Amino acid sequence: GTSGVAIDSTGNSNFTVSSGSLTLSGSNGINLVGEVNIQSGNASNFTVSNSNLNLQTTGTGTVVLSSEKNIDIDADQSVTIDAAAASNFTTSSGILTLSGASGLTLAAPSSTIDMDAASLTIDTTASISLDAAANSNFTVNSADLTLSTATSGSLLLSSAANIELQAAPSQELIINNAANTS
């Protein structure tokens, strides 16, 4: 009809179809008030055509995505994840891979990037540059530190002031090549 239809109940209720699909359609949308619980024992989808799909809580609510297997997020364009507080992305097992076809940028312009690991390997097929605007150090505890060129090239140390090479007390400073040992 041209007027509204109201179906009211004060207890648990259901609207069931024994075969086929159940379609709810509204020219201005469908409003569900109260707790909404959608369950299915079959593969399912939630599709929006040519418009946005928003999952949003107001007040103190949380959006929770959970799966007994994988969660797969694919986008034909960019993916943006923003947070207004401390956050984490953690795997309880396996490796976490971040990869960018045109590069990877880690930025903390006014703070610190802290990397902790049992070991750290950085491999590049071109050059590497480490720059700092304040006093810096590269320290190894209880092991050797090796700076070397592998197949060709020189090792260059350059300083705006002095270059200081200092061994621990009672230790030697050895400079050695095929022509000269001192």
Protein backbone atom coordinates (compact mmCIF):
# COMPACT_ATOMS: atom_id res chain seq x y z
CA GLY A 1 0.00 0.00 0.00
CA THR A 2 0.95 3.65 0.14
CA SER A 3 1.04 3.73 3.94
CA GLY A 4 3.49 2.13 6.34
CA VAL A 5 3.28 -1.38 7.78
CA ALA A 6 4.08 -2.03 11.44
CA ILE A 7 4.83 -5.46 12.92
CA ASP A 8 5.30 -5.26 16.68
CA SER A 9 6.09 -7.88 19.33
CA THR A 10 7.03 -7.86 23.00
CA GLY A 11 8.94 -11.17 22.80
CA ASN A 12 11.36 -13.10 20.60
CA SER A 13 10.13 -13.24 17.03
CA ASN A 14 11.19 -14.55 13.64
CA PHE A 15 10.36 -14.12 9.99
CA THR A 16 11.45 -17.21 8.08
CA VAL A 17 11.38 -18.35 4.47
CA SER A 18 11.77 -22.10 3.95
CA SER A 19 13.28 -21.71 0.46
CA GLY A 20 14.56 -18.84 -1.66
CA SER A 21 15.77 -15.48 -0.41
CA LEU A 22 14.37 -12.91 1.97
CA THR A 23 14.70 -9.38 0.58
CA LEU A 24 14.33 -6.22 2.63
CA SER A 25 14.25 -3.11 0.45
CA GLY A 26 13.65 0.54 1.22
CA SER A 27 13.94 3.45 -1.20
CA ASN A 28 15.56 5.54 1.55
CA GLY A 29 17.41 2.67 3.21
CA ILE A 30 16.76 0.12 5.95
CA ASN A 31 17.02 1.17 9.62
CA LEU A 32 17.79 -1.53 12.20
CA VAL A 33 17.52 -0.36 15.82
CA GLY A 34 18.93 -2.21 18.80
CA GLU A 35 21.31 -5.17 18.74
CA VAL A 36 21.68 -6.63 15.25
CA ASN A 37 22.87 -10.20 14.89
CA ILE A 38 23.32 -11.58 11.36
CA GLN A 39 24.39 -15.23 11.14
CA SER A 40 24.79 -17.62 8.26
CA GLY A 41 26.05 -21.15 7.83
CA ASN A 42 27.00 -20.51 4.21
CA ALA A 43 29.38 -18.26 2.31
CA SER A 44 27.96 -14.74 2.51
CA ASN A 45 28.60 -11.25 1.23
CA PHE A 46 27.74 -7.67 2.05
CA THR A 47 27.92 -5.60 -1.13
CA VAL A 48 27.37 -1.94 -1.86
CA SER A 49 27.17 -0.87 -5.50
CA ASN A 50 28.71 2.47 -6.56
CA SER A 51 28.70 3.99 -3.08
CA ASN A 52 30.51 3.87 0.27
CA LEU A 53 30.22 1.17 2.92
CA ASN A 54 30.70 2.57 6.44
CA LEU A 55 31.16 0.53 9.62
CA GLN A 56 31.05 3.00 12.49
CA THR A 57 30.45 3.06 16.22
CA THR A 58 29.60 6.20 18.18
CA GLY A 59 30.42 6.89 21.80
CA THR A 60 32.59 4.20 23.39
CA GLY A 61 31.91 1.30 21.02
CA THR A 62 34.58 -0.75 19.25
CA VAL A 63 34.61 -2.30 15.78
CA VAL A 64 35.82 -5.90 16.07
CA LEU A 65 36.82 -8.03 13.07
CA SER A 66 37.64 -11.64 13.94
CA SER A 67 38.06 -14.82 11.96
CA GLU A 68 38.99 -18.44 12.71
CA LYS A 69 41.12 -18.30 9.54
CA ASN A 70 42.32 -15.37 7.41
CA ILE A 71 41.14 -11.79 7.07
CA ASP A 72 41.79 -10.64 3.52
CA ILE A 73 41.62 -6.91 2.69
CA ASP A 74 42.06 -6.05 -1.00
CA ALA A 75 41.71 -2.60 -2.55
CA ASP A 76 42.01 -1.48 -6.17
CA GLN A 77 43.40 1.80 -4.81
CA SER A 78 44.92 2.85 -1.49
CA VAL A 79 44.31 1.54 2.05
CA THR A 80 44.39 4.05 4.91
CA ILE A 81 44.49 3.08 8.61
CA ASP A 82 44.57 6.00 11.08
CA ALA A 83 44.54 5.98 14.88
CA ALA A 84 44.49 8.71 17.54
CA ALA A 85 46.34 6.64 20.17
CA ALA A 86 49.18 4.13 20.56
CA SER A 87 48.57 1.16 18.28
CA ASN A 88 50.10 -2.16 17.27
CA PHE A 89 50.16 -4.64 14.41
CA THR A 90 51.40 -7.95 15.80
CA THR A 91 51.71 -11.54 14.61
CA SER A 92 51.80 -14.27 17.28
CA SER A 93 53.72 -16.55 14.92
CA GLY A 94 55.29 -16.27 11.50
CA ILE A 95 56.80 -13.25 9.77
CA LEU A 96 55.24 -9.81 9.30
CA THR A 97 56.02 -8.45 5.83
CA LEU A 98 55.64 -4.80 4.84
CA SER A 99 56.39 -4.28 1.16
CA GLY A 100 56.00 -1.32 -1.19
CA ALA A 101 56.47 -1.64 -4.96
CA SER A 102 57.82 1.92 -5.12
CA GLY A 103 59.39 2.08 -1.67
CA LEU A 104 58.70 1.94 2.07
CA THR A 105 58.69 5.01 4.32
CA LEU A 106 58.89 4.86 8.13
CA ALA A 107 58.40 8.36 9.54
CA ALA A 108 58.36 9.84 13.05
CA PRO A 109 59.28 13.50 12.35
CA SER A 110 59.08 14.68 15.98
CA SER A 111 59.78 11.44 17.85
CA THR A 112 61.79 8.21 17.75
CA ILE A 113 61.74 5.01 15.70
CA ASP A 114 62.82 2.13 17.96
CA MET A 115 63.84 -1.16 16.33
CA ASP A 116 64.53 -4.13 18.62
CA ALA A 117 65.42 -7.58 17.31
CA ALA A 118 67.55 -10.60 18.05
CA SER A 119 69.37 -9.77 14.82
CA LEU A 120 68.87 -7.16 12.10
CA THR A 121 69.75 -7.61 8.44
CA ILE A 122 69.59 -4.74 5.95
CA ASP A 123 70.39 -5.61 2.34
CA THR A 124 70.29 -3.20 -0.58
CA THR A 125 71.10 -3.63 -4.25
CA ALA A 126 72.30 0.00 -4.40
CA SER A 127 73.68 2.46 -1.86
CA ILE A 128 72.75 3.00 1.79
CA SER A 129 72.84 6.32 3.63
CA LEU A 130 72.57 6.90 7.39
CA ASP A 131 72.36 10.58 8.35
CA ALA A 132 71.86 12.22 11.74
CA ALA A 133 71.66 15.81 12.98
CA ALA A 134 73.05 15.10 16.49
CA ASN A 135 75.76 13.08 18.27
CA SER A 136 75.46 9.44 17.22
CA ASN A 137 77.07 6.07 17.83
CA PHE A 138 77.32 2.58 16.40
CA THR A 139 78.19 0.23 19.25
CA VAL A 140 78.73 -3.53 19.45
CA ASN A 141 78.81 -5.19 22.86
CA SER A 142 81.31 -8.05 23.41
CA ALA A 143 81.97 -8.79 19.73
CA ASP A 144 83.81 -7.45 16.69
CA LEU A 145 82.64 -4.58 14.49
CA THR A 146 83.68 -4.90 10.84
CA LEU A 147 83.55 -2.10 8.27
CA SER A 148 84.70 -3.36 4.90
CA THR A 149 84.39 -3.11 1.15
CA ALA A 150 83.94 -6.53 -0.45
CA THR A 151 85.22 -6.53 -4.04
CA SER A 152 86.55 -3.04 -4.77
CA GLY A 153 86.49 0.51 -3.46
CA SER A 154 88.13 2.26 -0.52
CA LEU A 155 87.03 2.81 3.04
CA LEU A 156 86.77 6.55 3.58
CA LEU A 157 86.67 8.27 6.97
CA SER A 158 85.99 11.99 6.77
CA SER A 159 85.64 14.52 9.58
CA ALA A 160 85.15 18.26 9.93
CA ALA A 161 87.42 18.07 13.00
CA ASN A 162 89.76 15.35 14.28
CA ILE A 163 89.61 11.63 13.56
CA GLU A 164 90.40 9.75 16.76
CA LEU A 165 91.32 6.06 16.80
CA GLN A 166 91.67 4.86 20.37
CA ALA A 167 92.28 1.36 21.72
CA ALA A 168 91.49 0.25 25.24
CA PRO A 169 94.30 0.54 27.84
CA SER A 170 97.13 -2.00 27.27
CA GLN A 171 95.71 -2.83 23.83
CA GLU A 172 97.36 -2.15 20.48
CA LEU A 173 96.24 -0.12 17.50
CA ILE A 174 97.32 -2.17 14.45
CA ILE A 175 97.42 -0.83 10.91
CA ASN A 176 98.37 -3.61 8.53
CA ASN A 177 98.71 -4.09 4.79
CA ALA A 178 100.97 -6.10 2.51
CA ALA A 179 103.57 -3.34 2.32
CA ASN A 180 103.54 -1.92 5.85
CA THR A 181 102.82 -3.01 9.39
CA SER A 182 103.01 -0.58 12.28
